[in-house]
Amino acid sequence: MNVRTKPENRIWNPACECMPRKELEALQLKRLKKVVKTAWDKLPYYRKKMEAAGVGPKDIRSLADVAKLPFTTKDDLRGCFPYKGFAVPMEDIVRIHASSGTTGLATVVGYTRKDLDTWSELMARLQTAAGVTKSDIVQIAFGYGFFTGGIGHHYGVEKVGAAVLPVSSGKSERQIQIMRDYGSTVLICTPSYGMYLAELIGKMGVRPELRLRLGLFGGESWTEPMRHALEKGLGVFATDNYGLSEVMGPGVSCECVEQKGMHISEDHFLPELIDSATGAPAADPAGAGGELVLTTLTKEGIPVVRYRTRDLCHFLPGECPCGRTGRRMSKVSARSDDMLIIRGTNVYPQQIEEALLSVEGVAPHYQIEVSREGALDELEVLVEATEAIFFDQMWKQQEMKGKIERKLETALGVHARVRLVEPGSTPRSEGKAVRVVDKRKKG
């Protein structure tokens, strides 16, 4: 496949995904009351937080009353390690997933049989919205195991009725060989790994032999320029999907083929936007937006009330042409805890990616290094230029370097040094890319 082709608009469960708004809100309130009562009765850590806030289940009379409830944070869930956050007996838990725990205790999540059925339903919605059909052969290049991405997508693809190739991550040349041998039509992985595979496919010269038509990318934030690079490099129609293990895994929201925002499965998750600094409701949800907060409405194993995702986005007004009625969020623009403060200026990695990929001759591979010289923070961006630029005359390299630095300063409001590096020299990832290396001394 050599051109991006928009799939047909399809809906997996019209009764739920296209539910009239009043019916949806009545269902949300019914489920919200139930989950708050469960948290009060079954989760001592959360009951203690509610008592400290002077609120209880009887105070939830409308959807707006959710703002009275205290937040749940990642630290709260780490404090429940391993099973104190479970609201059902262990004999009712049939699956356990967990975060890596590389920066502290892991966050552990448990699923009942009903939770797994719900998750499979949500994933079938996601994949159908992206254009997957029974006729597809779906190659999953997410890691399996404790990470929720691989297994979550696996069960959804089986529910849709497509064929699954459970390749998992890694062994990139083998990934491409499998695409050729088995006729993969859909690729599911992180966008950064998708770009690495596109690079290898180009080097191997095998793209004309591939049947890929769709790419479902998630697990990390990515920009519109990255979408265009993925579509060009892989020859696919690329869609985004969003989720996090603390509230389910992938399947919280997804793009449909109209690509006019991410549809939140509001019959299972109650979304809010807040001001990250104050915790108050976002002043302009459809404009400046805010931090996404989610309450699980149907999860049995580990219900979560007002979970602070740290992901920044905004809500989209109006209706999507696809017919779904759930609220739409923008693609995640950044994570509040990914923010770098450089000489008093807030800088997000996504801003840098968007600026870089707007410059012709820049490859979609880069790394950001932050250091401190004396009392001042310094920002340096390692940028892979194309071979034609990197191996050209020195004055042309300097011209490109200056152009990128001006583009970054305009986008960020702070100067960043640019170092052009040889194609293929920045780290490649078979999972989530490590974009930022912070060399500042902690103290």
Protein backbone atom coordinates (compact mmCIF):
# COMPACT_ATOMS: atom_id res chain seq x y z
CA MET A 1 0.00 0.00 0.00
CA ASN A 2 1.50 3.34 -1.01
CA VAL A 3 -1.24 5.82 -0.17
CA ARG A 4 -3.16 6.73 2.96
CA THR A 5 -6.74 5.50 2.55
CA LYS A 6 -9.50 6.53 4.93
CA PRO A 7 -11.48 3.49 6.13
CA GLU A 8 -15.26 3.30 6.26
CA ASN A 9 -16.90 4.81 9.36
CA ARG A 10 -18.14 1.94 11.53
CA ILE A 11 -19.47 1.71 15.11
CA TRP A 12 -19.12 -1.42 17.23
CA ASN A 13 -21.96 -0.81 19.73
CA PRO A 14 -24.34 1.93 18.53
CA ALA A 15 -26.71 1.49 21.49
CA CYS A 16 -23.97 2.55 23.91
CA GLU A 17 -21.73 4.73 21.75
CA CYS A 18 -24.64 6.74 20.30
CA MET A 19 -26.81 6.89 23.43
CA PRO A 20 -28.87 10.11 23.74
CA ARG A 21 -27.08 12.54 26.01
CA LYS A 22 -29.77 12.67 28.72
CA GLU A 23 -29.84 8.87 28.96
CA LEU A 24 -26.06 8.77 29.12
CA GLU A 25 -25.92 11.31 31.95
CA ALA A 26 -28.60 9.45 33.92
CA LEU A 27 -26.59 6.24 33.55
CA GLN A 28 -23.40 8.02 34.61
CA LEU A 29 -25.05 9.37 37.77
CA LYS A 30 -26.43 5.95 38.70
CA ARG A 31 -23.02 4.38 38.25
CA LEU A 32 -21.19 7.23 39.98
CA LYS A 33 -23.31 6.81 43.12
CA LYS A 34 -22.56 3.09 43.11
CA VAL A 35 -18.79 3.47 42.71
CA VAL A 36 -18.59 6.13 45.46
CA LYS A 37 -20.53 3.82 47.80
CA THR A 38 -18.16 0.97 46.93
CA ALA A 39 -15.12 3.14 47.61
CA TRP A 40 -16.61 4.20 50.96
CA ASP A 41 -17.45 0.65 51.99
CA LYS A 42 -14.52 -1.34 50.55
CA LEU A 43 -11.49 0.97 50.30
CA PRO A 44 -10.28 2.22 53.72
CA TYR A 45 -7.69 4.58 52.20
CA TYR A 46 -10.35 6.32 50.16
CA ARG A 47 -12.95 6.42 52.94
CA LYS A 48 -10.33 8.17 55.09
CA LYS A 49 -9.80 10.77 52.34
CA MET A 50 -13.56 11.34 51.98
CA GLU A 51 -14.00 11.74 55.72
CA ALA A 52 -11.18 14.29 55.78
CA ALA A 53 -12.93 16.19 52.97
CA GLY A 54 -16.26 16.06 54.82
CA VAL A 55 -18.05 14.20 52.05
CA GLY A 56 -19.78 10.84 51.78
CA PRO A 57 -21.92 8.81 49.36
CA LYS A 58 -25.12 10.64 50.43
CA ASP A 59 -23.64 13.91 49.13
CA ILE A 60 -23.57 12.70 45.51
CA ARG A 61 -26.89 13.82 44.07
CA SER A 62 -25.79 15.10 40.66
CA LEU A 63 -22.85 14.66 38.31
CA ALA A 64 -21.57 18.09 39.36
CA ASP A 65 -21.20 16.75 42.91
CA VAL A 66 -18.21 14.70 41.79
CA ALA A 67 -16.16 17.88 42.36
CA LYS A 68 -16.81 17.49 46.11
CA LEU A 69 -14.84 14.25 46.20
CA PRO A 70 -11.10 14.08 46.89
CA PHE A 71 -8.67 13.15 44.14
CA THR A 72 -6.84 9.86 43.79
CA THR A 73 -3.17 10.07 42.80
CA LYS A 74 -0.53 7.61 41.67
CA ASP A 75 1.04 7.92 45.13
CA ASP A 76 -2.26 6.83 46.68
CA LEU A 77 -2.23 3.70 44.56
CA ARG A 78 1.45 3.03 45.29
CA GLY A 79 0.53 3.26 48.98
CA CYS A 80 -1.91 0.39 48.40
CA PHE A 81 0.82 -1.93 47.09
CA PRO A 82 0.15 -4.65 46.27
CA TYR A 83 -3.53 -5.44 46.89
CA LYS A 84 -4.93 -2.87 49.36
CA GLY A 85 -6.66 -1.00 46.53
CA PHE A 86 -8.73 -4.03 45.49
CA ALA A 87 -12.44 -3.78 46.28
CA VAL A 88 -13.16 -7.50 45.87
CA PRO A 89 -11.67 -10.64 47.45
CA MET A 90 -8.59 -12.06 45.74
CA GLU A 91 -10.55 -15.13 44.65
CA ASP A 92 -12.57 -12.81 42.38
CA ILE A 93 -9.45 -11.36 40.72
CA VAL A 94 -8.53 -13.17 37.51
CA ARG A 95 -5.84 -10.85 36.07
CA ILE A 96 -3.18 -8.58 37.58
CA HIS A 97 -1.26 -5.86 35.73
CA ALA A 98 1.24 -3.39 37.13
CA SER A 99 3.37 -0.43 36.19
CA SER A 100 7.12 -0.94 35.88
CA GLY A 101 7.85 0.56 39.28
CA THR A 102 11.12 2.03 38.00
CA THR A 103 10.61 5.26 39.98
CA GLY A 104 9.18 3.67 43.12
CA LEU A 105 6.63 1.04 44.08
CA ALA A 106 4.57 -0.24 41.17
CA THR A 107 0.89 0.63 40.84
CA VAL A 108 -0.94 -2.69 40.83
CA VAL A 109 -4.34 -3.15 39.19
CA GLY A 110 -6.63 -6.15 39.39
CA TYR A 111 -9.42 -7.27 37.05
CA THR A 112 -12.46 -9.43 37.72
CA ARG A 113 -13.97 -11.55 34.97
CA LYS A 114 -16.53 -8.80 34.36
CA ASP A 115 -13.73 -6.20 34.17
CA LEU A 116 -12.04 -8.22 31.42
CA ASP A 117 -15.31 -8.48 29.51
CA THR A 118 -15.75 -4.69 29.81
CA TRP A 119 -12.17 -4.10 28.68
CA SER A 120 -12.60 -6.34 25.64
CA GLU A 121 -15.77 -4.43 24.73
CA LEU A 122 -13.96 -1.09 24.99
CA MET A 123 -11.09 -2.34 22.86
CA ALA A 124 -13.51 -3.62 20.22
CA ARG A 125 -15.01 -0.13 20.12
CA LEU A 126 -11.55 1.41 19.73
CA GLN A 127 -10.44 -0.89 16.95
CA THR A 128 -13.71 -0.67 15.04
CA ALA A 129 -13.56 3.13 15.28
CA ALA A 130 -10.07 3.00 13.73
CA GLY A 131 -11.28 0.90 10.82
CA VAL A 132 -10.38 -2.67 11.86
CA THR A 133 -12.70 -5.37 10.45
CA LYS A 134 -12.99 -9.16 10.58
CA SER A 135 -10.98 -9.34 7.38
CA ASP A 136 -7.84 -7.84 8.93
CA ILE A 137 -4.65 -9.52 10.09
CA VAL A 138 -3.49 -7.51 13.10
CA GLN A 139 0.14 -7.45 14.22
CA ILE A 140 0.50 -6.40 17.85
CA ALA A 141 3.99 -5.04 18.53
CA PHE A 142 3.22 -3.86 22.07
CA GLY A 143 4.87 -5.73 24.90
CA TYR A 144 2.84 -8.44 26.61
CA GLY A 145 3.04 -9.16 30.33
CA PHE A 146 2.42 -6.63 33.11
CA PHE A 147 2.10 -3.85 30.51
CA THR A 148 -1.59 -3.49 29.61
CA GLY A 149 -1.18 -2.53 25.94
CA GLY A 150 -0.45 -5.87 24.31
CA ILE A 151 -3.02 -8.07 26.04
CA GLY A 152 -5.66 -5.34 26.02
CA HIS A 153 -5.48 -4.96 22.25
CA HIS A 154 -5.23 -8.74 21.80
CA TYR A 155 -8.59 -9.45 23.42
CA GLY A 156 -10.24 -6.57 21.56
CA VAL A 157 -9.05 -7.82 18.17
CA GLU A 158 -10.38 -11.29 18.95
CA LYS A 159 -13.74 -9.80 19.95
CA VAL A 160 -13.92 -7.91 16.63
CA GLY A 161 -13.15 -11.19 14.89
CA ALA A 162 -9.93 -10.21 13.14
CA ALA A 163 -6.86 -12.47 13.17
CA VAL A 164 -4.23 -11.64 15.80
CA LEU A 165 -0.49 -11.94 15.33
CA PRO A 166 0.72 -11.69 18.99
CA VAL A 167 4.29 -10.80 18.08
CA SER A 168 4.97 -8.58 21.13
CA SER A 169 7.72 -5.95 21.01
CA GLY A 170 11.31 -6.24 19.88
CA LYS A 171 13.22 -8.16 17.19
CA SER A 172 12.45 -5.47 14.65
CA GLU A 173 13.77 -7.23 11.55
CA ARG A 174 11.61 -10.22 12.50
CA GLN A 175 8.61 -7.87 12.88
CA ILE A 176 9.06 -6.81 9.27
CA GLN A 177 9.58 -10.39 8.10
CA ILE A 178 6.30 -11.33 9.79
CA MET A 179 4.55 -8.43 8.04
CA ARG A 180 5.75 -9.82 4.71
CA ASP A 181 5.15 -13.51 5.39
CA TYR A 182 1.78 -13.26 7.12
CA GLY A 183 0.31 -10.34 5.21
CA SER A 184 -0.29 -8.04 8.19
CA THR A 185 -2.83 -5.33 7.39
CA VAL A 186 -2.86 -3.56 10.78
CA LEU A 187 0.06 -2.58 13.02
CA ILE A 188 -0.46 -1.76 16.71
CA CYS A 189 2.45 -0.26 18.69
CA THR A 190 3.81 2.98 20.15
CA PRO A 191 4.32 5.78 17.61
CA SER A 192 8.04 5.93 18.33
CA TYR A 193 8.41 2.22 17.58
CA GLY A 194 6.26 2.64 14.49
CA MET A 195 8.74 5.27 13.25
CA TYR A 196 11.65 2.92 13.91
CA LEU A 197 9.94 0.15 11.93
CA ALA A 198 9.22 2.61 9.10
CA GLU A 199 12.91 3.52 9.04
CA LEU A 200 13.92 -0.15 8.82
CA ILE A 201 11.33 -0.87 6.14
CA GLY A 202 12.78 1.97 4.09
CA LYS A 203 16.34 0.66 4.50
CA MET A 204 15.26 -2.89 3.58
CA GLY A 205 13.30 -1.64 0.57
CA VAL A 206 10.36 -3.95 1.27
CA ARG A 207 7.48 -1.51 1.59
CA PRO A 208 5.97 -2.46 -1.83
CA GLU A 209 5.70 -6.04 -0.53
CA LEU A 210 3.69 -5.07 2.57
CA ARG A 211 -0.11 -5.02 2.91
CA LEU A 212 -0.31 -2.62 5.86
CA ARG A 213 -3.31 -0.28 5.67
CA LEU A 214 -3.96 0.80 9.28
CA GLY A 215 -1.76 1.88 12.19
CA LEU A 216 -3.18 2.12 15.72
CA PHE A 217 -0.68 4.02 17.86
CA GLY A 218 -0.80 4.72 21.58
CA GLY A 219 1.12 4.40 24.82
CA GLU A 220 2.80 7.81 24.52
CA SER A 221 1.90 11.33 23.44
CA TRP A 222 2.53 12.21 19.80
CA THR A 223 1.89 15.13 17.50
CA GLU A 224 0.19 15.72 14.16
CA PRO A 225 3.56 16.01 12.36
CA MET A 226 4.41 12.58 13.80
CA ARG A 227 1.12 11.24 12.40
CA HIS A 228 2.06 12.47 8.93
CA ALA A 229 5.53 10.91 9.27
CA LEU A 230 4.03 7.56 10.32
CA GLU A 231 1.54 7.59 7.48
CA LYS A 232 4.21 8.44 4.95
CA GLY A 233 6.73 5.95 6.30
CA LEU A 234 4.37 3.00 6.73
CA GLY A 235 1.71 3.76 4.13
CA VAL A 236 -1.09 3.51 6.71
CA PHE A 237 -4.07 5.46 7.98
CA ALA A 238 -2.90 6.33 11.51
CA THR A 239 -5.16 6.80 14.55
CA ASP A 240 -4.48 7.60 18.18
CA ASN A 241 -5.88 5.84 21.24
CA TYR A 242 -5.58 6.65 24.91
CA GLY A 243 -5.67 4.88 28.22
CA LEU A 244 -3.72 4.22 31.38
CA SER A 245 -3.40 1.13 33.50
CA GLU A 246 -4.66 2.80 36.67
CA VAL A 247 -8.16 3.20 35.24
CA MET A 248 -8.27 0.27 32.76
CA GLY A 249 -5.50 0.28 30.17
CA PRO A 250 -6.02 1.37 26.56
CA GLY A 251 -9.66 1.87 25.66
CA VAL A 252 -10.50 5.01 27.66
CA SER A 253 -10.74 7.09 24.49
CA CYS A 254 -9.91 6.76 20.82
CA GLU A 255 -10.03 8.47 17.44
CA CYS A 256 -12.60 7.42 14.88
CA VAL A 257 -11.78 7.62 11.18
CA GLU A 258 -13.05 11.22 11.07
CA GLN A 259 -10.07 12.16 13.27
CA LYS A 260 -11.97 14.98 14.95
CA GLY A 261 -10.91 14.30 18.52
CA MET A 262 -10.79 11.32 20.85
CA HIS A 263 -14.12 9.75 21.82
CA ILE A 264 -14.28 9.03 25.56
CA SER A 265 -16.28 5.94 26.56
CA GLU A 266 -18.40 7.98 28.94
CA ASP A 267 -20.64 5.10 29.93
CA HIS A 268 -17.56 3.63 31.67
CA PHE A 269 -15.50 6.72 32.60
CA LEU A 270 -16.57 10.11 33.96
CA PRO A 271 -14.13 12.78 32.67
CA GLU A 272 -13.30 16.18 34.17
CA LEU A 273 -10.73 18.85 33.40
CA ILE A 274 -9.05 20.69 36.26
CA ASP A 275 -6.43 23.37 36.76
CA SER A 276 -3.28 21.36 37.56
CA ALA A 277 -1.99 23.99 39.97
CA THR A 278 -5.13 24.51 42.05
CA GLY A 279 -7.26 21.40 41.51
CA ALA A 280 -10.25 23.61 40.71
CA PRO A 281 -12.41 22.91 37.63
CA ALA A 282 -10.73 24.17 34.45
CA ALA A 283 -11.89 27.68 33.61
CA ASP A 284 -11.96 27.04 29.86
CA PRO A 285 -12.37 23.28 29.15
CA ALA A 286 -12.93 23.79 25.41
CA GLY A 287 -10.15 26.34 25.04
CA ALA A 288 -7.07 26.24 27.22
CA GLY A 289 -8.29 22.96 28.70
CA GLY A 290 -6.58 21.42 31.70
CA GLU A 291 -5.52 18.20 33.36
CA LEU A 292 -7.72 15.18 32.68
CA VAL A 293 -9.31 13.54 35.74
CA LEU A 294 -11.12 10.22 35.39
CA THR A 295 -13.54 8.26 37.56
CA THR A 296 -14.16 4.62 36.68
CA LEU A 297 -17.91 3.92 36.59
CA THR A 298 -17.95 0.14 36.08
CA LYS A 299 -14.62 -1.29 37.22
CA GLU A 300 -15.01 -3.87 39.99
CA GLY A 301 -11.48 -4.98 40.86
CA ILE A 302 -10.00 -1.57 41.62
CA PRO A 303 -12.50 1.29 41.28
CA VAL A 304 -10.80 4.66 41.06
CA VAL A 305 -12.46 7.97 41.95
CA ARG A 306 -11.19 11.24 40.44
CA TYR A 307 -7.83 9.90 39.31
CA ARG A 308 -5.39 12.66 38.35
CA THR A 309 -3.89 11.46 35.08
CA ARG A 310 -1.44 14.41 34.74
CA ASP A 311 -2.34 14.42 31.03
CA LEU A 312 -3.20 17.81 29.53
CA CYS A 313 -5.91 18.18 26.89
CA HIS A 314 -9.12 20.08 26.15
CA PHE A 315 -12.70 19.05 25.43
CA LEU A 316 -14.09 19.57 21.94
CA PRO A 317 -17.46 21.27 21.41
CA GLY A 318 -20.17 20.11 19.01
CA GLU A 319 -20.79 16.67 17.57
CA CYS A 320 -18.62 14.35 15.52
CA PRO A 321 -19.89 13.38 12.04
CA CYS A 322 -19.48 9.71 13.02
CA GLY A 323 -22.60 9.81 15.23
CA ARG A 324 -21.03 8.95 18.59
CA THR A 325 -22.42 11.04 21.45
CA GLY A 326 -19.70 10.70 24.09
CA ARG A 327 -17.59 13.72 24.96
CA ARG A 328 -14.49 14.19 22.84
CA MET A 329 -11.09 15.17 24.13
CA SER A 330 -8.19 16.48 22.10
CA LYS A 331 -5.07 14.42 21.69
CA VAL A 332 -3.02 14.72 24.86
CA SER A 333 -0.88 17.81 24.33
CA ALA A 334 1.54 17.09 27.17
CA ARG A 335 1.89 15.59 30.62
CA SER A 336 2.08 18.08 33.46
CA ASP A 337 4.87 16.03 35.09
CA ASP A 338 6.83 16.00 31.80
CA MET A 339 7.12 19.78 31.92
CA LEU A 340 10.65 21.18 31.95
CA ILE A 341 11.29 24.59 33.48
CA ILE A 342 14.11 26.23 31.55
CA ARG A 343 15.13 29.68 32.83
CA GLY A 344 11.63 30.25 34.15
CA THR A 345 9.89 29.08 30.97
CA ASN A 346 7.65 26.00 30.83
CA VAL A 347 8.75 23.67 28.04
CA TYR A 348 7.04 20.44 26.94
CA PRO A 349 8.70 17.75 24.79
CA GLN A 350 5.70 17.74 22.44
CA GLN A 351 6.37 21.41 21.59
CA ILE A 352 9.87 20.48 20.54
CA GLU A 353 8.69 17.53 18.45
CA GLU A 354 6.12 19.63 16.62
CA ALA A 355 8.66 22.35 15.85
CA LEU A 356 11.31 19.90 14.66
CA LEU A 357 9.04 17.97 12.34
CA SER A 358 7.91 21.18 10.66
CA VAL A 359 11.44 21.60 9.27
CA GLU A 360 12.15 19.84 6.00
CA GLY A 361 15.22 17.63 6.16
CA VAL A 362 14.75 16.68 9.84
CA ALA A 363 14.17 13.00 10.60
CA PRO A 364 11.47 12.10 13.22
CA HIS A 365 14.11 10.95 15.72
CA TYR A 366 15.52 13.26 18.38
CA GLN A 367 16.55 13.51 22.03
CA ILE A 368 16.38 16.40 24.49
CA GLU A 369 19.22 16.99 26.97
CA VAL A 370 18.86 19.34 29.93
CA SER A 371 21.93 20.42 31.89
CA ARG A 372 22.95 23.17 34.28
CA GLU A 373 25.88 25.47 33.72
CA GLY A 374 26.44 27.47 36.88
CA ALA A 375 23.04 28.77 37.94
CA LEU A 376 21.48 28.52 34.48
CA ASP A 377 19.61 25.64 32.90
CA GLU A 378 20.65 24.77 29.36
CA LEU A 379 18.56 22.99 26.75
CA GLU A 380 20.18 21.08 23.92
CA VAL A 381 18.31 19.09 21.28
CA LEU A 382 20.02 16.30 19.38
CA VAL A 383 18.46 16.33 15.92
CA GLU A 384 18.90 13.71 13.23
CA ALA A 385 19.15 15.36 9.86
CA THR A 386 18.61 13.35 6.70
CA GLU A 387 21.75 11.91 5.11
CA ALA A 388 21.63 14.52 2.34
CA ILE A 389 21.89 17.30 4.95
CA PHE A 390 24.24 15.66 7.45
CA PHE A 391 26.86 14.70 4.88
CA ASP A 392 26.57 17.96 2.94
CA GLN A 393 28.94 20.91 3.13
CA MET A 394 29.54 22.44 6.56
CA TRP A 395 27.88 25.74 5.68
CA LYS A 396 24.68 23.93 4.78
CA GLN A 397 24.72 22.10 8.10
CA GLN A 398 25.16 25.41 9.92
CA GLU A 399 22.33 26.91 7.92
CA MET A 400 20.05 24.02 8.91
CA LYS A 401 21.16 24.25 12.55
CA GLY A 402 20.34 27.96 12.65
CA LYS A 403 16.96 27.41 11.03
CA ILE A 404 16.01 24.77 13.63
CA GLU A 405 17.22 26.93 16.54
CA ARG A 406 15.10 29.86 15.33
CA LYS A 407 12.07 27.59 14.93
CA LEU A 408 12.52 26.21 18.46
CA GLU A 409 13.00 29.64 20.03
CA THR A 410 9.79 30.86 18.40
CA ALA A 411 7.89 27.80 19.62
CA LEU A 412 9.33 27.62 23.13
CA GLY A 413 10.12 31.21 24.05
CA VAL A 414 13.59 30.16 25.19
CA HIS A 415 16.82 29.42 23.34
CA ALA A 416 17.77 25.81 22.74
CA ARG A 417 21.07 24.68 21.30
CA VAL A 418 20.80 22.27 18.40
CA ARG A 419 23.31 19.56 17.64
CA LEU A 420 22.92 17.84 14.29
CA VAL A 421 23.76 14.17 14.66
CA GLU A 422 24.26 11.35 12.21
CA PRO A 423 21.16 9.53 10.94
CA GLY A 424 20.44 6.52 13.15
CA SER A 425 22.52 7.76 16.09
CA THR A 426 19.80 8.74 18.60
CA PRO A 427 18.41 5.88 20.71
CA ARG A 428 15.65 3.77 19.15
CA SER A 429 12.99 2.22 21.35
CA GLU A 430 10.96 -0.95 20.98
CA GLY A 431 8.45 0.46 23.46
CA LYS A 432 8.07 3.98 24.81
CA ALA A 433 10.76 6.39 23.63
CA VAL A 434 13.00 8.13 26.16
CA ARG A 435 12.90 11.66 24.80
CA VAL A 436 14.38 13.61 27.72
CA VAL A 437 17.72 13.13 29.45
CA ASP A 438 17.93 15.45 32.48
CA LYS A 439 21.57 15.87 33.50
CA ARG A 440 20.90 18.49 36.18
CA LYS A 441 22.13 17.57 39.63
CA LYS A 442 19.35 16.91 42.06
CA GLY A 443 19.73 18.64 45.35
